[in-house]
Amino acid sequence: MKYAIDKIEEDIVILENLETKEKEEVNIKNILGETHEGAIVIKNNDTYITDSKEENLRRKMLREKLERLKNKQS
């Protein structure tokens, strides 16, 4: 499953399931890789692994969507 890091509060990370939008709390120690708000993580058993390639793809897609919305308003 794919999640986005919604918030980081001390050693607790709030994840949002990208499909269901449900939120889940996870200890930061269970996440491998660079953790920051907006990062995409893949769940593998009880471990979460950050996926920078997926994050970059998602950011690009969101930027393009924002540009289309801006151009519609013009």
PDB file of N, CA and C in Angstrom:
ATOM      1  N   MET A   1       0.831  -1.179   0.000  1.00  0.00           N
ATOM      2  CA  MET A   1       0.000   0.000   0.000  1.00  0.00           C
ATOM      3  C   MET A   1       0.876   1.242   0.000  1.00  0.00           C
ATOM      4  N   LYS A   2       0.372   2.299  -0.602  1.00  0.00           N
ATOM      5  CA  LYS A   2       1.096   3.563  -0.659  1.00  0.00           C
ATOM      6  C   LYS A   2       0.459   4.555   0.303  1.00  0.00           C
ATOM      7  N   TYR A   3       1.336   5.281   0.995  1.00  0.00           N
ATOM      8  CA  TYR A   3       0.915   6.301   1.939  1.00  0.00           C
ATOM      9  C   TYR A   3       1.702   7.578   1.681  1.00  0.00           C
ATOM     10  N   ALA A   4       1.135   8.693   2.111  1.00  0.00           N
ATOM     11  CA  ALA A   4       1.859   9.959   2.126  1.00  0.00           C
ATOM     12  C   ALA A   4       2.022  10.365   3.581  1.00  0.00           C
ATOM     13  N   ILE A   5       3.186  10.904   3.916  1.00  0.00           N
ATOM     14  CA  ILE A   5       3.380  11.406   5.273  1.00  0.00           C
ATOM     15  C   ILE A   5       2.632  12.726   5.381  1.00  0.00           C
ATOM     16  N   ASP A   6       1.613  12.730   6.234  1.00  0.00           N
ATOM     17  CA  ASP A   6       0.780  13.912   6.427  1.00  0.00           C
ATOM     18  C   ASP A   6       1.403  14.850   7.452  1.00  0.00           C
ATOM     19  N   LYS A   7       1.867  14.284   8.571  1.00  0.00           N
ATOM     20  CA  LYS A   7       2.434  15.079   9.661  1.00  0.00           C
ATOM     21  C   LYS A   7       3.462  14.267  10.413  1.00  0.00           C
ATOM     22  N   ILE A   8       4.419  14.969  10.998  1.00  0.00           N
ATOM     23  CA  ILE A   8       5.384  14.324  11.888  1.00  0.00           C
ATOM     24  C   ILE A   8       5.324  15.069  13.214  1.00  0.00           C
ATOM     25  N   GLU A   9       5.015  14.341  14.273  1.00  0.00           N
ATOM     26  CA  GLU A   9       4.928  14.920  15.613  1.00  0.00           C
ATOM     27  C   GLU A   9       5.837  14.119  16.536  1.00  0.00           C
ATOM     28  N   GLU A  10       7.019  14.675  16.817  1.00  0.00           N
ATOM     29  CA  GLU A  10       8.049  14.016  17.611  1.00  0.00           C
ATOM     30  C   GLU A  10       8.410  12.676  16.980  1.00  0.00           C
ATOM     31  N   ASP A  11       8.096  11.543  17.616  1.00  0.00           N
ATOM     32  CA  ASP A  11       8.463  10.243  17.046  1.00  0.00           C
ATOM     33  C   ASP A  11       7.278   9.522  16.407  1.00  0.00           C
ATOM     34  N   ILE A  12       6.170  10.233  16.226  1.00  0.00           N
ATOM     35  CA  ILE A  12       4.976   9.661  15.598  1.00  0.00           C
ATOM     36  C   ILE A  12       4.765  10.305  14.226  1.00  0.00           C
ATOM     37  N   VAL A  13       4.519   9.463  13.240  1.00  0.00           N
ATOM     38  CA  VAL A  13       4.259   9.928  11.879  1.00  0.00           C
ATOM     39  C   VAL A  13       2.803   9.614  11.547  1.00  0.00           C
ATOM     40  N   ILE A  14       2.085  10.616  11.045  1.00  0.00           N
ATOM     41  CA  ILE A  14       0.709  10.427  10.607  1.00  0.00           C
ATOM     42  C   ILE A  14       0.755  10.160   9.103  1.00  0.00           C
ATOM     43  N   LEU A  15       0.300   8.966   8.720  1.00  0.00           N
ATOM     44  CA  LEU A  15       0.283   8.573   7.312  1.00  0.00           C
ATOM     45  C   LEU A  15      -1.134   8.647   6.775  1.00  0.00           C
ATOM     46  N   GLU A  16      -1.258   9.015   5.501  1.00  0.00           N
ATOM     47  CA  GLU A  16      -2.556   8.999   4.829  1.00  0.00           C
ATOM     48  C   GLU A  16      -2.492   7.985   3.701  1.00  0.00           C
ATOM     49  N   ASN A  17      -3.401   7.015   3.754  1.00  0.00           N
ATOM     50  CA  ASN A  17      -3.500   6.021   2.694  1.00  0.00           C
ATOM     51  C   ASN A  17      -3.928   6.751   1.425  1.00  0.00           C
ATOM     52  N   LEU A  18      -3.163   6.615   0.348  1.00  0.00           N
ATOM     53  CA  LEU A  18      -3.452   7.359  -0.879  1.00  0.00           C
ATOM     54  C   LEU A  18      -4.726   6.893  -1.577  1.00  0.00           C
ATOM     55  N   GLU A  19      -5.159   5.678  -1.315  1.00  0.00           N
ATOM     56  CA  GLU A  19      -6.379   5.171  -1.945  1.00  0.00           C
ATOM     57  C   GLU A  19      -7.619   5.483  -1.125  1.00  0.00           C
ATOM     58  N   THR A  20      -7.563   5.197   0.166  1.00  0.00           N
ATOM     59  CA  THR A  20      -8.756   5.322   1.012  1.00  0.00           C
ATOM     60  C   THR A  20      -8.822   6.639   1.769  1.00  0.00           C
ATOM     61  N   LYS A  21      -7.717   7.368   1.833  1.00  0.00           N
ATOM     62  CA  LYS A  21      -7.593   8.623   2.583  1.00  0.00           C
ATOM     63  C   LYS A  21      -7.662   8.426   4.095  1.00  0.00           C
ATOM     64  N   GLU A  22      -7.643   7.172   4.558  1.00  0.00           N
ATOM     65  CA  GLU A  22      -7.645   6.903   5.995  1.00  0.00           C
ATOM     66  C   GLU A  22      -6.286   7.264   6.569  1.00  0.00           C
ATOM     67  N   LYS A  23      -6.295   7.716   7.831  1.00  0.00           N
ATOM     68  CA  LYS A  23      -5.055   8.104   8.506  1.00  0.00           C
ATOM     69  C   LYS A  23      -4.622   7.009   9.468  1.00  0.00           C
ATOM     70  N   GLU A  24      -3.318   6.911   9.647  1.00  0.00           N
ATOM     71  CA  GLU A  24      -2.726   5.870  10.481  1.00  0.00           C
ATOM     72  C   GLU A  24      -1.505   6.464  11.191  1.00  0.00           C
ATOM     73  N   GLU A  25      -1.325   6.136  12.469  1.00  0.00           N
ATOM     74  CA  GLU A  25      -0.156   6.595  13.221  1.00  0.00           C
ATOM     75  C   GLU A  25       0.890   5.492  13.262  1.00  0.00           C
ATOM     76  N   VAL A  26       2.148   5.871  13.003  1.00  0.00           N
ATOM     77  CA  VAL A  26       3.249   4.911  12.962  1.00  0.00           C
ATOM     78  C   VAL A  26       4.448   5.530  13.680  1.00  0.00           C
ATOM     79  N   ASN A  27       5.200   4.718  14.392  1.00  0.00           N
ATOM     80  CA  ASN A  27       6.430   5.195  15.012  1.00  0.00           C
ATOM     81  C   ASN A  27       7.453   5.477  13.915  1.00  0.00           C
ATOM     82  N   ILE A  28       8.141   6.583  14.032  1.00  0.00           N
ATOM     83  CA  ILE A  28       9.108   6.989  13.006  1.00  0.00           C
ATOM     84  C   ILE A  28      10.208   5.945  12.811  1.00  0.00           C
ATOM     85  N   LYS A  29      10.476   5.140  13.836  1.00  0.00           N
ATOM     86  CA  LYS A  29      11.498   4.088  13.741  1.00  0.00           C
ATOM     87  C   LYS A  29      11.109   3.001  12.741  1.00  0.00           C
ATOM     88  N   ASN A  30       9.814   2.899  12.420  1.00  0.00           N
ATOM     89  CA  ASN A  30       9.343   1.887  11.472  1.00  0.00           C
ATOM     90  C   ASN A  30       9.417   2.351  10.019  1.00  0.00           C
ATOM     91  N   ILE A  31       9.939   3.549   9.795  1.00  0.00           N
ATOM     92  CA  ILE A  31      10.045   4.080   8.434  1.00  0.00           C
ATOM     93  C   ILE A  31      11.514   4.143   8.043  1.00  0.00           C
ATOM     94  N   LEU A  32      11.852   3.466   6.966  1.00  0.00           N
ATOM     95  CA  LEU A  32      13.226   3.465   6.453  1.00  0.00           C
ATOM     96  C   LEU A  32      13.357   4.531   5.372  1.00  0.00           C
ATOM     97  N   GLY A  33      14.400   5.319   5.450  1.00  0.00           N
ATOM     98  CA  GLY A  33      14.635   6.354   4.455  1.00  0.00           C
ATOM     99  C   GLY A  33      14.364   7.731   5.029  1.00  0.00           C
ATOM    100  N   GLU A  34      14.454   8.731   4.167  1.00  0.00           N
ATOM    101  CA  GLU A  34      14.270  10.123   4.575  1.00  0.00           C
ATOM    102  C   GLU A  34      12.793  10.398   4.842  1.00  0.00           C
ATOM    103  N   THR A  35      12.496  10.870   6.045  1.00  0.00           N
ATOM    104  CA  THR A  35      11.104  11.163   6.394  1.00  0.00           C
ATOM    105  C   THR A  35      10.886  12.668   6.447  1.00  0.00           C
ATOM    106  N   HIS A  36       9.898  13.124   5.715  1.00  0.00           N
ATOM    107  CA  HIS A  36       9.471  14.520   5.736  1.00  0.00           C
ATOM    108  C   HIS A  36       8.021  14.568   5.272  1.00  0.00           C
ATOM    109  N   GLU A  37       7.329  15.633   5.647  1.00  0.00           N
ATOM    110  CA  GLU A  37       5.934  15.759   5.254  1.00  0.00           C
ATOM    111  C   GLU A  37       5.836  15.760   3.736  1.00  0.00           C
ATOM    112  N   GLY A  38       4.912  14.974   3.214  1.00  0.00           N
ATOM    113  CA  GLY A  38       4.739  14.857   1.774  1.00  0.00           C
ATOM    114  C   GLY A  38       5.450  13.664   1.163  1.00  0.00           C
ATOM    115  N   ALA A  39       6.342  13.036   1.915  1.00  0.00           N
ATOM    116  CA  ALA A  39       7.066  11.871   1.389  1.00  0.00           C
ATOM    117  C   ALA A  39       6.089  10.723   1.143  1.00  0.00           C
ATOM    118  N   ILE A  40       6.374   9.933   0.131  1.00  0.00           N
ATOM    119  CA  ILE A  40       5.567   8.754  -0.181  1.00  0.00           C
ATOM    120  C   ILE A  40       6.271   7.543   0.406  1.00  0.00           C
ATOM    121  N   VAL A  41       5.498   6.696   1.091  1.00  0.00           N
ATOM    122  CA  VAL A  41       6.063   5.482   1.676  1.00  0.00           C
ATOM    123  C   VAL A  41       5.250   4.272   1.233  1.00  0.00           C
ATOM    124  N   ILE A  42       5.941   3.169   1.089  1.00  0.00           N
ATOM    125  CA  ILE A  42       5.332   1.897   0.710  1.00  0.00           C
ATOM    126  C   ILE A  42       5.380   0.987   1.930  1.00  0.00           C
ATOM    127  N   LYS A  43       4.245   0.368   2.254  1.00  0.00           N
ATOM    128  CA  LYS A  43       4.193  -0.538   3.401  1.00  0.00           C
ATOM    129  C   LYS A  43       4.645  -1.925   2.973  1.00  0.00           C
ATOM    130  N   ASN A  44       5.583  -2.487   3.755  1.00  0.00           N
ATOM    131  CA  ASN A  44       6.095  -3.831   3.514  1.00  0.00           C
ATOM    132  C   ASN A  44       6.072  -4.547   4.861  1.00  0.00           C
ATOM    133  N   ASN A  45       5.060  -5.380   5.096  1.00  0.00           N
ATOM    134  CA  ASN A  45       4.818  -6.001   6.401  1.00  0.00           C
ATOM    135  C   ASN A  45       4.604  -4.892   7.428  1.00  0.00           C
ATOM    136  N   ASP A  46       5.427  -4.820   8.480  1.00  0.00           N
ATOM    137  CA  ASP A  46       5.286  -3.763   9.481  1.00  0.00           C
ATOM    138  C   ASP A  46       6.294  -2.642   9.284  1.00  0.00           C
ATOM    139  N   THR A  47       6.974  -2.646   8.148  1.00  0.00           N
ATOM    140  CA  THR A  47       7.977  -1.630   7.851  1.00  0.00           C
ATOM    141  C   THR A  47       7.502  -0.780   6.683  1.00  0.00           C
ATOM    142  N   TYR A  48       7.840   0.488   6.741  1.00  0.00           N
ATOM    143  CA  TYR A  48       7.495   1.423   5.683  1.00  0.00           C
ATOM    144  C   TYR A  48       8.795   1.925   5.068  1.00  0.00           C
ATOM    145  N   ILE A  49       8.838   1.997   3.744  1.00  0.00           N
ATOM    146  CA  ILE A  49      10.042   2.410   3.027  1.00  0.00           C
ATOM    147  C   ILE A  49       9.697   3.618   2.168  1.00  0.00           C
ATOM    148  N   THR A  50      10.480   4.693   2.296  1.00  0.00           N
ATOM    149  CA  THR A  50      10.209   5.877   1.488  1.00  0.00           C
ATOM    150  C   THR A  50      10.524   5.587   0.022  1.00  0.00           C
ATOM    151  N   ASP A  51       9.771   6.214  -0.866  1.00  0.00           N
ATOM    152  CA  ASP A  51       9.919   5.999  -2.306  1.00  0.00           C
ATOM    153  C   ASP A  51      10.047   7.362  -2.982  1.00  0.00           C
ATOM    154  N   SER A  52      11.281   7.832  -3.146  1.00  0.00           N
ATOM    155  CA  SER A  52      11.508   9.164  -3.710  1.00  0.00           C
ATOM    156  C   SER A  52      11.085   9.246  -5.172  1.00  0.00           C
ATOM    157  N   LYS A  53      11.208   8.158  -5.913  1.00  0.00           N
ATOM    158  CA  LYS A  53      10.792   8.160  -7.321  1.00  0.00           C
ATOM    159  C   LYS A  53       9.285   8.405  -7.420  1.00  0.00           C
ATOM    160  N   GLU A  54       8.519   7.703  -6.605  1.00  0.00           N
ATOM    161  CA  GLU A  54       7.064   7.874  -6.587  1.00  0.00           C
ATOM    162  C   GLU A  54       6.693   9.278  -6.109  1.00  0.00           C
ATOM    163  N   GLU A  55       7.429   9.787  -5.125  1.00  0.00           N
ATOM    164  CA  GLU A  55       7.174  11.141  -4.616  1.00  0.00           C
ATOM    165  C   GLU A  55       7.389  12.178  -5.716  1.00  0.00           C
ATOM    166  N   ASN A  56       8.495  12.069  -6.444  1.00  0.00           N
ATOM    167  CA  ASN A  56       8.779  13.014  -7.527  1.00  0.00           C
ATOM    168  C   ASN A  56       7.727  12.939  -8.621  1.00  0.00           C
ATOM    169  N   LEU A  57       7.288  11.737  -8.950  1.00  0.00           N
ATOM    170  CA  LEU A  57       6.249  11.558  -9.958  1.00  0.00           C
ATOM    171  C   LEU A  57       4.945  12.210  -9.506  1.00  0.00           C
ATOM    172  N   ARG A  58       4.592  11.991  -8.250  1.00  0.00           N
ATOM    173  CA  ARG A  58       3.358  12.566  -7.700  1.00  0.00           C
ATOM    174  C   ARG A  58       3.426  14.093  -7.654  1.00  0.00           C
ATOM    175  N   ARG A  59       4.571  14.645  -7.250  1.00  0.00           N
ATOM    176  CA  ARG A  59       4.731  16.105  -7.214  1.00  0.00           C
ATOM    177  C   ARG A  59       4.605  16.695  -8.623  1.00  0.00           C
ATOM    178  N   LYS A  60       5.200  16.039  -9.609  1.00  0.00           N
ATOM    179  CA  LYS A  60       5.119  16.511 -10.994  1.00  0.00           C
ATOM    180  C   LYS A  60       3.667  16.504 -11.471  1.00  0.00           C
ATOM    181  N   MET A  61       2.955  15.433 -11.163  1.00  0.00           N
ATOM    182  CA  MET A  61       1.558  15.311 -11.562  1.00  0.00           C
ATOM    183  C   MET A  61       0.707  16.419 -10.919  1.00  0.00           C
ATOM    184  N   LEU A  62       0.959  16.709  -9.649  1.00  0.00           N
ATOM    185  CA  LEU A  62       0.206  17.753  -8.956  1.00  0.00           C
ATOM    186  C   LEU A  62       0.530  19.139  -9.508  1.00  0.00           C
ATOM    187  N   ARG A  63       1.813  19.388  -9.849  1.00  0.00           N
ATOM    188  CA  ARG A  63       2.183  20.677 -10.451  1.00  0.00           C
ATOM    189  C   ARG A  63       1.481  20.870 -11.790  1.00  0.00           C
ATOM    190  N   GLU A  64       1.435  19.808 -12.608  1.00  0.00           N
ATOM    191  CA  GLU A  64       0.777  19.894 -13.910  1.00  0.00           C
ATOM    192  C   GLU A  64      -0.713  20.157 -13.750  1.00  0.00           C
ATOM    193  N   LYS A  65      -1.322  19.520 -12.774  1.00  0.00           N
ATOM    194  CA  LYS A  65      -2.752  19.728 -12.513  1.00  0.00           C
ATOM    195  C   LYS A  65      -3.009  21.175 -12.090  1.00  0.00           C
ATOM    196  N   LEU A  66      -2.151  21.718 -11.237  1.00  0.00           N
ATOM    197  CA  LEU A  66      -2.282  23.099 -10.797  1.00  0.00           C
ATOM    198  C   LEU A  66      -2.137  24.055 -11.977  1.00  0.00           C
ATOM    199  N   GLU A  67      -1.191  23.791 -12.867  1.00  0.00           N
ATOM    200  CA  GLU A  67      -1.001  24.631 -14.052  1.00  0.00           C
ATOM    201  C   GLU A  67      -2.243  24.619 -14.939  1.00  0.00           C
ATOM    202  N   ARG A  68      -2.833  23.439 -15.131  1.00  0.00           N
ATOM    203  CA  ARG A  68      -4.052  23.348 -15.945  1.00  0.00           C
ATOM    204  C   ARG A  68      -5.176  24.168 -15.322  1.00  0.00           C
ATOM    205  N   LEU A  69      -5.298  24.118 -14.000  1.00  0.00           N
ATOM    206  CA  LEU A  69      -6.336  24.892 -13.314  1.00  0.00           C
ATOM    207  C   LEU A  69      -6.084  26.391 -13.454  1.00  0.00           C
ATOM    208  N   LYS A  70      -4.825  26.806 -13.356  1.00  0.00           N
ATOM    209  CA  LYS A  70      -4.488  28.223 -13.522  1.00  0.00           C
ATOM    210  C   LYS A  70      -4.823  28.687 -14.931  1.00  0.00           C
ATOM    211  N   ASN A  71      -4.506  27.861 -15.927  1.00  0.00           N
ATOM    212  CA  ASN A  71      -4.755  28.225 -17.322  1.00  0.00           C
ATOM    213  C   ASN A  71      -6.240  28.284 -17.633  1.00  0.00           C
ATOM    214  N   LYS A  72      -7.054  27.481 -16.961  1.00  0.00           N
ATOM    215  CA  LYS A  72      -8.504  27.517 -17.156  1.00  0.00           C
ATOM    216  C   LYS A  72      -9.087  28.840 -16.704  1.00  0.00           C
ATOM    217  N   GLN A  73      -8.531  29.405 -15.632  1.00  0.00           N
ATOM    218  CA  GLN A  73      -9.048  30.647 -15.069  1.00  0.00           C
ATOM    219  C   GLN A  73      -8.690  31.850 -15.922  1.00  0.00           C
ATOM    220  N   SER A  74      -7.674  31.741 -16.757  1.00  0.00           N
ATOM    221  CA  SER A  74      -7.221  32.874 -17.586  1.00  0.00           C
ATOM    222  C   SER A  74      -8.146  33.149 -18.728  1.00  0.00           C
TER     223      SER A  74
END
